[in-house]
Amino acid sequence: MSKVKPPKSKGIPSRHLHARTTFLYQAATYLTLQTAPNVREAKGRSGHSDLSPQFSAQQLPHHSPLALQLGMDLQQVSRKAQLRLSVDLKRTICKACNTILVPGSTATHTTENMSRGAAKTWADVLVIKCLICGGQKRFPVGAKTQPKKRVRKAALKAQALVTGSSSTSPSGSAPHVSSELSSIAAQD
C-alpha cells in the first residue's frame, strides 16, 4: 500500500522568502527615512540648498550603513532564491549602491525631453538620480508600449486567416499587418 500524501497547498511557493524580502525592504526604507537628510529641510532661508548636487557617503554622515546593508541583503536574497521583485520595488532601489530611493531624501526625480524644442511629447523621460552615488535611472513616460511578441504574432495570424492567405511576401514578412500595428508604426 502506498502512503496517502496530503494535498499540496495552493499558496505562494517559498512564502518565507517573500516575507523576508518584504521585511528587508520595509526595514531599509524605514532606516533611510529616519537617517537620510531631507533636501527640503536642508534649504536655507535664501531657498538654496546647502547640499551640493553631487553627494557621496562622506558628505552624508547621517546616512545609515545598516540601510545600505539591508538593501544589499534584499538584492542577494532575491537573486539567490530567484525571486522576481516587482517593478515598483525595483524602481525604488539604486542599482549601483542598493540605496532605497526616496524622492527628496536620497533621490531626485526630473523629467526631461531631449527632442528639439521638446516637440515630441511621447519622448519624455523620467530621470531618477541617486543622491548617494550619483547613479541615474531613466524611464520613458507617456510612450505607448509595443505589444508583446506573442500578441503581435497572434494578430498577424488572425489577419492572415481573415484575408485567406498564409503565404509570405518576397521580402519574407507577412503580406498584411494588422491595422493596430500599422497605426503604431505610423506614430513613430
Protein backbone atom coordinates (compact mmCIF):
# COMPACT_ATOMS: atom_id res chain seq x y z
CA MET A 1 0.00 0.00 0.00
CA SER A 2 1.17 3.47 -0.75
CA LYS A 3 1.18 6.29 1.70
CA VAL A 4 -1.51 8.87 1.39
CA LYS A 5 0.06 12.22 0.59
CA PRO A 6 -1.52 15.39 1.92
CA PRO A 7 -2.82 17.75 -0.76
CA LYS A 8 -0.41 20.48 -1.81
CA SER A 9 -1.24 23.95 -0.64
CA LYS A 10 -2.15 26.42 -3.34
CA GLY A 11 -0.33 29.31 -1.68
CA ILE A 12 2.77 31.13 -2.78
CA PRO A 13 5.82 28.89 -3.16
CA SER A 14 8.69 29.90 -0.88
CA ARG A 15 6.45 32.19 1.13
CA HIS A 16 9.15 32.65 3.77
CA LEU A 17 11.47 34.19 1.18
CA HIS A 18 8.79 36.65 0.06
CA ALA A 19 8.21 37.58 3.70
CA ARG A 20 11.96 38.06 4.18
CA THR A 21 12.34 40.32 1.15
CA THR A 22 9.31 42.34 2.24
CA PHE A 23 10.77 42.78 5.71
CA LEU A 24 14.19 43.77 4.35
CA TYR A 25 12.62 46.38 2.06
CA GLN A 26 10.45 47.83 4.82
CA ALA A 27 13.36 47.96 7.28
CA ALA A 28 15.70 49.58 4.73
CA THR A 29 13.02 52.15 3.84
CA TYR A 30 12.36 52.94 7.48
CA LEU A 31 16.05 53.41 8.28
CA THR A 32 16.56 55.52 5.16
CA LEU A 33 13.66 57.80 6.08
CA GLN A 34 14.88 58.11 9.67
CA THR A 35 18.52 58.88 8.90
CA ALA A 36 18.77 60.48 5.45
CA PRO A 37 18.75 64.29 5.41
CA ASN A 38 15.74 65.80 3.74
CA VAL A 39 16.67 68.10 0.85
CA ARG A 40 13.73 70.37 1.66
CA GLU A 41 14.94 70.78 5.27
CA ALA A 42 18.50 71.49 4.09
CA LYS A 43 17.39 74.60 2.20
CA GLY A 44 18.36 77.82 3.87
CA ARG A 45 16.29 80.97 4.12
CA SER A 46 17.53 82.04 0.70
CA GLY A 47 15.91 78.98 -0.85
CA HIS A 48 19.21 77.47 -2.00
CA SER A 49 20.23 74.04 -0.86
CA ASP A 50 23.24 73.82 1.44
CA LEU A 51 23.98 70.39 -0.02
CA SER A 52 25.98 70.10 -3.22
CA PRO A 53 24.38 68.37 -6.23
CA GLN A 54 26.92 65.53 -6.09
CA PHE A 55 26.62 63.56 -2.86
CA SER A 56 28.99 60.97 -1.52
CA ALA A 57 28.93 58.77 1.56
CA GLN A 58 31.43 61.11 3.28
CA GLN A 59 29.17 64.14 2.75
CA LEU A 60 26.16 62.35 4.24
CA PRO A 61 27.21 61.40 7.77
CA HIS A 62 23.60 60.68 8.75
CA HIS A 63 23.04 58.01 6.10
CA SER A 64 22.67 54.65 7.79
CA PRO A 65 25.15 51.95 6.76
CA LEU A 66 22.60 49.46 8.07
CA ALA A 67 20.07 50.66 5.48
CA LEU A 68 22.66 50.06 2.75
CA GLN A 69 23.37 46.58 4.15
CA LEU A 70 19.67 45.73 4.21
CA GLY A 71 19.36 46.89 0.59
CA MET A 72 22.28 44.63 -0.39
CA ASP A 73 20.75 41.72 1.55
CA LEU A 74 17.45 42.28 -0.28
CA GLN A 75 19.18 42.05 -3.67
CA GLN A 76 21.18 38.97 -2.61
CA VAL A 77 18.15 37.09 -1.25
CA SER A 78 16.11 37.80 -4.38
CA ARG A 79 18.94 36.66 -6.65
CA LYS A 80 19.78 33.52 -4.68
CA ALA A 81 16.14 32.44 -4.39
CA GLN A 82 15.43 33.54 -7.98
CA LEU A 83 12.54 35.72 -6.86
CA ARG A 84 11.24 38.37 -9.21
CA LEU A 85 10.93 41.67 -7.43
CA SER A 86 8.02 43.81 -8.55
CA VAL A 87 8.73 46.64 -10.97
CA ASP A 88 7.67 49.26 -8.42
CA LEU A 89 10.08 47.80 -5.87
CA LYS A 90 12.96 47.63 -8.35
CA ARG A 91 12.43 51.25 -9.36
CA THR A 92 12.95 52.39 -5.78
CA ILE A 93 16.32 50.67 -5.34
CA CYS A 94 19.56 52.09 -6.77
CA LYS A 95 21.38 49.51 -8.89
CA ALA A 96 24.80 50.91 -8.08
CA CYS A 97 24.71 51.29 -4.29
CA ASN A 98 21.46 49.50 -3.24
CA THR A 99 20.12 52.61 -1.55
CA ILE A 100 16.36 52.94 -1.19
CA LEU A 101 15.48 55.88 -3.47
CA VAL A 102 13.15 58.22 -1.58
CA PRO A 103 12.23 61.39 -3.51
CA GLY A 104 13.56 64.43 -1.70
CA SER A 105 15.77 62.45 0.68
CA THR A 106 18.00 60.11 -1.29
CA ALA A 107 16.85 60.77 -4.85
CA THR A 108 15.68 63.49 -7.18
CA HIS A 109 13.07 63.00 -9.88
CA THR A 110 13.20 65.11 -13.02
CA THR A 111 11.50 64.84 -16.38
CA GLU A 112 13.49 65.67 -19.47
CA ASN A 113 12.71 65.69 -23.15
CA MET A 114 15.76 65.59 -25.44
CA SER A 115 13.81 66.20 -28.65
CA ARG A 116 14.23 69.52 -30.43
CA GLY A 117 12.25 72.10 -28.55
CA ALA A 118 10.55 69.32 -26.57
CA ALA A 119 8.19 68.91 -29.53
CA LYS A 120 7.73 65.17 -29.09
CA THR A 121 5.59 64.74 -26.00
CA TRP A 122 5.99 60.97 -26.15
CA ALA A 123 9.77 61.39 -25.76
CA ASP A 124 9.54 62.45 -22.10
CA VAL A 125 11.91 60.54 -19.84
CA LEU A 126 11.72 60.34 -16.05
CA VAL A 127 15.24 60.56 -14.61
CA ILE A 128 15.70 59.31 -11.07
CA LYS A 129 19.10 60.33 -9.71
CA CYS A 130 20.56 58.74 -6.60
CA LEU A 131 22.00 61.41 -4.31
CA ILE A 132 24.33 58.92 -2.61
CA CYS A 133 26.30 57.59 -5.59
CA GLY A 134 25.11 59.82 -8.45
CA GLY A 135 23.67 56.89 -10.42
CA GLN A 136 20.74 57.53 -12.73
CA LYS A 137 17.74 55.51 -13.80
CA ARG A 138 15.77 56.56 -16.87
CA PHE A 139 12.20 55.52 -17.61
CA PRO A 140 10.06 56.53 -20.60
CA VAL A 141 6.92 58.45 -19.65
CA GLY A 142 3.79 58.61 -21.75
CA ALA A 143 5.14 56.47 -24.59
CA LYS A 144 2.91 53.70 -25.86
CA THR A 145 4.48 50.33 -25.25
CA GLN A 146 4.76 47.86 -28.08
CA PRO A 147 2.54 44.80 -27.72
CA LYS A 148 4.30 41.62 -26.67
CA LYS A 149 5.68 39.42 -29.40
CA ARG A 150 3.14 36.65 -28.90
CA VAL A 151 0.31 39.19 -29.19
CA ARG A 152 1.80 40.62 -32.40
CA LYS A 153 2.21 37.11 -33.87
CA ALA A 154 -1.37 36.22 -32.95
CA ALA A 155 -2.61 39.42 -34.61
CA LEU A 156 -0.62 38.58 -37.76
CA LYS A 157 -2.02 35.03 -37.83
CA ALA A 158 -5.55 36.31 -37.30
CA GLN A 159 -5.09 38.84 -40.11
CA ALA A 160 -3.74 36.12 -42.38
CA LEU A 161 -6.74 33.90 -41.62
CA VAL A 162 -9.16 36.76 -42.30
CA THR A 163 -7.58 37.55 -45.67
CA GLY A 164 -7.46 33.86 -46.52
CA SER A 165 -3.77 33.68 -47.36
CA SER A 166 -0.98 32.48 -45.13
CA SER A 167 1.79 32.96 -47.67
CA THR A 168 4.56 35.47 -47.17
CA SER A 169 5.73 38.22 -49.44
CA PRO A 170 9.09 38.03 -51.26
CA SER A 171 10.74 40.07 -48.52
CA GLY A 172 9.99 37.29 -46.02
CA SER A 173 7.48 39.20 -43.91
CA ALA A 174 3.75 38.70 -43.67
CA PRO A 175 1.84 40.39 -46.52
CA HIS A 176 -0.66 42.18 -44.30
CA VAL A 177 -0.09 43.81 -40.97
CA SER A 178 -2.94 44.40 -38.57
CA SER A 179 -4.31 47.92 -38.51
CA GLU A 180 -3.29 48.33 -34.85
CA LEU A 181 0.35 47.51 -35.56
CA SER A 182 0.48 49.74 -38.62
CA SER A 183 -1.01 52.65 -36.64
CA ILE A 184 1.70 52.22 -34.01
CA ALA A 185 4.38 52.27 -36.68
CA ALA A 186 2.83 55.38 -38.27
CA GLN A 187 3.07 57.29 -34.99
CA ASP A 188 6.84 56.78 -34.85
